[in-house]
Amino acid sequence: MKSRLKVLRAEHDLSQAALAEKLEVSRQTINAIEKEKYDPSLPLAFKIGRLFGMPIEDIFMED
């Protein structure tokens, strides 16, 4: 699954570690999502959407 997470994180001047802390996940989880090696769970996707004030469809796209 493709995501805009890396771009959004950069736009909000957040490190992977800072974003991970806000989402209560590991930095490795953020890294894996950004590298398209891990698809977030639905609850995590919604949490990311709420954090950035966007619908999850605007953050995550099917390949």
PDB file of N, CA and C in Angstrom:
ATOM      1  N   MET A   1       0.834  -1.166   0.000  1.00  0.00           N
ATOM      2  CA  MET A   1       0.000   0.000   0.000  1.00  0.00           C
ATOM      3  C   MET A   1       0.889   1.243   0.000  1.00  0.00           C
ATOM      4  N   LYS A   2       0.601   2.148  -0.876  1.00  0.00           N
ATOM      5  CA  LYS A   2       1.353   3.403  -0.933  1.00  0.00           C
ATOM      6  C   LYS A   2       0.805   4.356   0.128  1.00  0.00           C
ATOM      7  N   SER A   3       1.687   5.231   0.587  1.00  0.00           N
ATOM      8  CA  SER A   3       1.227   6.215   1.565  1.00  0.00           C
ATOM      9  C   SER A   3       1.948   7.538   1.364  1.00  0.00           C
ATOM     10  N   ARG A   4       1.317   8.584   1.855  1.00  0.00           N
ATOM     11  CA  ARG A   4       1.911   9.924   1.833  1.00  0.00           C
ATOM     12  C   ARG A   4       2.526  10.261   3.188  1.00  0.00           C
ATOM     13  N   LEU A   5       2.714   9.249   4.019  1.00  0.00           N
ATOM     14  CA  LEU A   5       3.143   9.488   5.389  1.00  0.00           C
ATOM     15  C   LEU A   5       4.474  10.237   5.463  1.00  0.00           C
ATOM     16  N   LYS A   6       5.435   9.848   4.655  1.00  0.00           N
ATOM     17  CA  LYS A   6       6.745  10.496   4.704  1.00  0.00           C
ATOM     18  C   LYS A   6       6.629  11.979   4.353  1.00  0.00           C
ATOM     19  N   VAL A   7       5.842  12.294   3.337  1.00  0.00           N
ATOM     20  CA  VAL A   7       5.638  13.692   2.926  1.00  0.00           C
ATOM     21  C   VAL A   7       4.929  14.474   4.025  1.00  0.00           C
ATOM     22  N   LEU A   8       3.872  13.891   4.576  1.00  0.00           N
ATOM     23  CA  LEU A   8       3.131  14.574   5.636  1.00  0.00           C
ATOM     24  C   LEU A   8       4.006  14.796   6.865  1.00  0.00           C
ATOM     25  N   ARG A   9       4.793  13.798   7.194  1.00  0.00           N
ATOM     26  CA  ARG A   9       5.697  13.915   8.340  1.00  0.00           C
ATOM     27  C   ARG A   9       6.682  15.063   8.117  1.00  0.00           C
ATOM     28  N   ALA A  10       7.232  15.157   6.916  1.00  0.00           N
ATOM     29  CA  ALA A  10       8.178  16.230   6.591  1.00  0.00           C
ATOM     30  C   ALA A  10       7.487  17.597   6.626  1.00  0.00           C
ATOM     31  N   GLU A  11       6.278  17.669   6.084  1.00  0.00           N
ATOM     32  CA  GLU A  11       5.534  18.938   6.081  1.00  0.00           C
ATOM     33  C   GLU A  11       5.260  19.436   7.501  1.00  0.00           C
ATOM     34  N   HIS A  12       5.115  18.505   8.430  1.00  0.00           N
ATOM     35  CA  HIS A  12       4.838  18.871   9.816  1.00  0.00           C
ATOM     36  C   HIS A  12       6.112  18.879  10.673  1.00  0.00           C
ATOM     37  N   ASP A  13       7.268  18.763   9.994  1.00  0.00           N
ATOM     38  CA  ASP A  13       8.566  18.822  10.653  1.00  0.00           C
ATOM     39  C   ASP A  13       8.668  17.831  11.815  1.00  0.00           C
ATOM     40  N   LEU A  14       8.261  16.596  11.546  1.00  0.00           N
ATOM     41  CA  LEU A  14       8.324  15.534  12.543  1.00  0.00           C
ATOM     42  C   LEU A  14       9.359  14.487  12.140  1.00  0.00           C
ATOM     43  N   SER A  15      10.152  14.051  13.083  1.00  0.00           N
ATOM     44  CA  SER A  15      11.040  12.922  12.831  1.00  0.00           C
ATOM     45  C   SER A  15      10.218  11.640  12.917  1.00  0.00           C
ATOM     46  N   GLN A  16      10.787  10.556  12.442  1.00  0.00           N
ATOM     47  CA  GLN A  16      10.098   9.278  12.580  1.00  0.00           C
ATOM     48  C   GLN A  16       9.853   8.981  14.054  1.00  0.00           C
ATOM     49  N   ALA A  17      10.838   9.254  14.887  1.00  0.00           N
ATOM     50  CA  ALA A  17      10.708   8.991  16.326  1.00  0.00           C
ATOM     51  C   ALA A  17       9.602   9.834  16.955  1.00  0.00           C
ATOM     52  N   ALA A  18       9.531  11.112  16.579  1.00  0.00           N
ATOM     53  CA  ALA A  18       8.506  11.998  17.142  1.00  0.00           C
ATOM     54  C   ALA A  18       7.108  11.550  16.716  1.00  0.00           C
ATOM     55  N   LEU A  19       6.960  11.181  15.445  1.00  0.00           N
ATOM     56  CA  LEU A  19       5.669  10.700  14.963  1.00  0.00           C
ATOM     57  C   LEU A  19       5.296   9.399  15.664  1.00  0.00           C
ATOM     58  N   ALA A  20       6.266   8.512  15.801  1.00  0.00           N
ATOM     59  CA  ALA A  20       6.012   7.234  16.472  1.00  0.00           C
ATOM     60  C   ALA A  20       5.532   7.458  17.904  1.00  0.00           C
ATOM     61  N   GLU A  21       6.142   8.402  18.578  1.00  0.00           N
ATOM     62  CA  GLU A  21       5.746   8.696  19.957  1.00  0.00           C
ATOM     63  C   GLU A  21       4.309   9.200  20.014  1.00  0.00           C
ATOM     64  N   LYS A  22       3.953  10.091  19.096  1.00  0.00           N
ATOM     65  CA  LYS A  22       2.580  10.613  19.054  1.00  0.00           C
ATOM     66  C   LYS A  22       1.561   9.509  18.775  1.00  0.00           C
ATOM     67  N   LEU A  23       1.955   8.534  17.959  1.00  0.00           N
ATOM     68  CA  LEU A  23       1.040   7.453  17.580  1.00  0.00           C
ATOM     69  C   LEU A  23       1.141   6.235  18.494  1.00  0.00           C
ATOM     70  N   GLU A  24       2.080   6.294  19.442  1.00  0.00           N
ATOM     71  CA  GLU A  24       2.307   5.195  20.391  1.00  0.00           C
ATOM     72  C   GLU A  24       2.677   3.899  19.678  1.00  0.00           C
ATOM     73  N   VAL A  25       3.584   4.025  18.702  1.00  0.00           N
ATOM     74  CA  VAL A  25       4.143   2.867  17.998  1.00  0.00           C
ATOM     75  C   VAL A  25       5.662   3.045  17.967  1.00  0.00           C
ATOM     76  N   SER A  26       6.365   2.053  17.449  1.00  0.00           N
ATOM     77  CA  SER A  26       7.820   2.168  17.370  1.00  0.00           C
ATOM     78  C   SER A  26       8.240   2.978  16.134  1.00  0.00           C
ATOM     79  N   ARG A  27       9.448   3.508  16.198  1.00  0.00           N
ATOM     80  CA  ARG A  27       9.998   4.208  15.038  1.00  0.00           C
ATOM     81  C   ARG A  27      10.113   3.248  13.866  1.00  0.00           C
ATOM     82  N   GLN A  28      10.409   1.985  14.157  1.00  0.00           N
ATOM     83  CA  GLN A  28      10.527   0.976  13.103  1.00  0.00           C
ATOM     84  C   GLN A  28       9.200   0.781  12.370  1.00  0.00           C
ATOM     85  N   THR A  29       8.096   0.914  13.089  1.00  0.00           N
ATOM     86  CA  THR A  29       6.776   0.804  12.452  1.00  0.00           C
ATOM     87  C   THR A  29       6.587   1.931  11.447  1.00  0.00           C
ATOM     88  N   ILE A  30       6.943   3.149  11.834  1.00  0.00           N
ATOM     89  CA  ILE A  30       6.822   4.301  10.927  1.00  0.00           C
ATOM     90  C   ILE A  30       7.717   4.082   9.713  1.00  0.00           C
ATOM     91  N   ASN A  31       8.938   3.644   9.940  1.00  0.00           N
ATOM     92  CA  ASN A  31       9.870   3.389   8.850  1.00  0.00           C
ATOM     93  C   ASN A  31       9.307   2.340   7.887  1.00  0.00           C
ATOM     94  N   ALA A  32       8.756   1.272   8.420  1.00  0.00           N
ATOM     95  CA  ALA A  32       8.214   0.197   7.579  1.00  0.00           C
ATOM     96  C   ALA A  32       7.012   0.669   6.765  1.00  0.00           C
ATOM     97  N   ILE A  33       6.157   1.495   7.350  1.00  0.00           N
ATOM     98  CA  ILE A  33       5.014   2.044   6.605  1.00  0.00           C
ATOM     99  C   ILE A  33       5.522   2.924   5.473  1.00  0.00           C
ATOM    100  N   GLU A  34       6.488   3.783   5.766  1.00  0.00           N
ATOM    101  CA  GLU A  34       7.021   4.691   4.750  1.00  0.00           C
ATOM    102  C   GLU A  34       7.702   3.939   3.615  1.00  0.00           C
ATOM    103  N   LYS A  35       8.324   2.813   3.911  1.00  0.00           N
ATOM    104  CA  LYS A  35       9.018   2.026   2.884  1.00  0.00           C
ATOM    105  C   LYS A  35       8.104   0.987   2.232  1.00  0.00           C
ATOM    106  N   GLU A  36       6.809   1.056   2.567  1.00  0.00           N
ATOM    107  CA  GLU A  36       5.790   0.161   1.998  1.00  0.00           C
ATOM    108  C   GLU A  36       6.076  -1.310   2.298  1.00  0.00           C
ATOM    109  N   LYS A  37       6.676  -1.565   3.472  1.00  0.00           N
ATOM    110  CA  LYS A  37       6.953  -2.940   3.896  1.00  0.00           C
ATOM    111  C   LYS A  37       5.925  -3.408   4.915  1.00  0.00           C
ATOM    112  N   TYR A  38       5.066  -2.498   5.358  1.00  0.00           N
ATOM    113  CA  TYR A  38       4.073  -2.813   6.381  1.00  0.00           C
ATOM    114  C   TYR A  38       2.836  -1.965   6.130  1.00  0.00           C
ATOM    115  N   ASP A  39       1.677  -2.607   6.131  1.00  0.00           N
ATOM    116  CA  ASP A  39       0.406  -1.893   6.030  1.00  0.00           C
ATOM    117  C   ASP A  39      -0.122  -1.692   7.442  1.00  0.00           C
ATOM    118  N   PRO A  40      -0.445  -0.457   7.800  1.00  0.00           N
ATOM    119  CA  PRO A  40      -0.919  -0.220   9.164  1.00  0.00           C
ATOM    120  C   PRO A  40      -2.278  -0.868   9.392  1.00  0.00           C
ATOM    121  N   SER A  41      -2.544  -1.196  10.644  1.00  0.00           N
ATOM    122  CA  SER A  41      -3.869  -1.696  11.004  1.00  0.00           C
ATOM    123  C   SER A  41      -4.876  -0.574  10.776  1.00  0.00           C
ATOM    124  N   LEU A  42      -6.128  -0.922  10.674  1.00  0.00           N
ATOM    125  CA  LEU A  42      -7.157   0.092  10.473  1.00  0.00           C
ATOM    126  C   LEU A  42      -7.189   1.090  11.636  1.00  0.00           C
ATOM    127  N   PRO A  43      -7.125   0.629  12.893  1.00  0.00           N
ATOM    128  CA  PRO A  43      -7.089   1.619  13.981  1.00  0.00           C
ATOM    129  C   PRO A  43      -5.890   2.566  13.882  1.00  0.00           C
ATOM    130  N   LEU A  44      -4.724   2.046  13.500  1.00  0.00           N
ATOM    131  CA  LEU A  44      -3.549   2.909  13.357  1.00  0.00           C
ATOM    132  C   LEU A  44      -3.728   3.876  12.195  1.00  0.00           C
ATOM    133  N   ALA A  45      -4.294   3.414  11.104  1.00  0.00           N
ATOM    134  CA  ALA A  45      -4.540   4.293   9.951  1.00  0.00           C
ATOM    135  C   ALA A  45      -5.466   5.444  10.348  1.00  0.00           C
ATOM    136  N   PHE A  46      -6.516   5.142  11.101  1.00  0.00           N
ATOM    137  CA  PHE A  46      -7.432   6.197  11.549  1.00  0.00           C
ATOM    138  C   PHE A  46      -6.728   7.158  12.515  1.00  0.00           C
ATOM    139  N   LYS A  47      -5.863   6.633  13.359  1.00  0.00           N
ATOM    140  CA  LYS A  47      -5.113   7.470  14.292  1.00  0.00           C
ATOM    141  C   LYS A  47      -4.207   8.426  13.522  1.00  0.00           C
ATOM    142  N   ILE A  48      -3.563   7.925  12.471  1.00  0.00           N
ATOM    143  CA  ILE A  48      -2.711   8.764  11.618  1.00  0.00           C
ATOM    144  C   ILE A  48      -3.564   9.839  10.946  1.00  0.00           C
ATOM    145  N   GLY A  49      -4.721   9.448  10.438  1.00  0.00           N
ATOM    146  CA  GLY A  49      -5.625  10.406   9.809  1.00  0.00           C
ATOM    147  C   GLY A  49      -6.048  11.509  10.760  1.00  0.00           C
ATOM    148  N   ARG A  50      -6.408  11.131  11.977  1.00  0.00           N
ATOM    149  CA  ARG A  50      -6.813  12.137  12.968  1.00  0.00           C
ATOM    150  C   ARG A  50      -5.658  13.076  13.299  1.00  0.00           C
ATOM    151  N   LEU A  51      -4.460  12.518  13.431  1.00  0.00           N
ATOM    152  CA  LEU A  51      -3.296  13.333  13.765  1.00  0.00           C
ATOM    153  C   LEU A  51      -3.044  14.409  12.707  1.00  0.00           C
ATOM    154  N   PHE A  52      -3.182  14.034  11.443  1.00  0.00           N
ATOM    155  CA  PHE A  52      -2.934  14.985  10.362  1.00  0.00           C
ATOM    156  C   PHE A  52      -4.200  15.695   9.886  1.00  0.00           C
ATOM    157  N   GLY A  53      -5.345  15.381  10.486  1.00  0.00           N
ATOM    158  CA  GLY A  53      -6.604  16.041  10.126  1.00  0.00           C
ATOM    159  C   GLY A  53      -7.051  15.723   8.710  1.00  0.00           C
ATOM    160  N   MET A  54      -6.825  14.477   8.296  1.00  0.00           N
ATOM    161  CA  MET A  54      -7.153  14.067   6.929  1.00  0.00           C
ATOM    162  C   MET A  54      -7.863  12.721   6.941  1.00  0.00           C
ATOM    163  N   PRO A  55      -8.725  12.475   5.947  1.00  0.00           N
ATOM    164  CA  PRO A  55      -9.287  11.133   5.813  1.00  0.00           C
ATOM    165  C   PRO A  55      -8.189  10.148   5.408  1.00  0.00           C
ATOM    166  N   ILE A  56      -8.311   8.913   5.841  1.00  0.00           N
ATOM    167  CA  ILE A  56      -7.255   7.938   5.546  1.00  0.00           C
ATOM    168  C   ILE A  56      -7.091   7.720   4.043  1.00  0.00           C
ATOM    169  N   GLU A  57      -8.154   7.946   3.278  1.00  0.00           N
ATOM    170  CA  GLU A  57      -8.061   7.774   1.826  1.00  0.00           C
ATOM    171  C   GLU A  57      -7.117   8.789   1.190  1.00  0.00           C
ATOM    172  N   ASP A  58      -6.888   9.907   1.869  1.00  0.00           N
ATOM    173  CA  ASP A  58      -5.964  10.923   1.364  1.00  0.00           C
ATOM    174  C   ASP A  58      -4.514  10.629   1.764  1.00  0.00           C
ATOM    175  N   ILE A  59      -4.329   9.665   2.673  1.00  0.00           N
ATOM    176  CA  ILE A  59      -2.995   9.324   3.149  1.00  0.00           C
ATOM    177  C   ILE A  59      -2.522   8.004   2.542  1.00  0.00           C
ATOM    178  N   PHE A  60      -3.424   7.038   2.479  1.00  0.00           N
ATOM    179  CA  PHE A  60      -3.076   5.692   2.004  1.00  0.00           C
ATOM    180  C   PHE A  60      -3.811   5.380   0.715  1.00  0.00           C
ATOM    181  N   MET A  61      -3.087   4.794  -0.250  1.00  0.00           N
ATOM    182  CA  MET A  61      -3.667   4.431  -1.545  1.00  0.00           C
ATOM    183  C   MET A  61      -3.291   2.999  -1.887  1.00  0.00           C
ATOM    184  N   GLU A  62      -4.164   2.324  -2.596  1.00  0.00           N
ATOM    185  CA  GLU A  62      -3.835   0.980  -3.069  1.00  0.00           C
ATOM    186  C   GLU A  62      -2.768   1.085  -4.152  1.00  0.00           C
ATOM    187  N   ASP A  63      -1.959   0.035  -4.251  1.00  0.00           N
ATOM    188  CA  ASP A  63      -0.930  -0.017  -5.309  1.00  0.00           C
ATOM    189  C   ASP A  63      -1.552  -0.014  -6.673  1.00  0.00           C
TER     190      ASP A  63
END
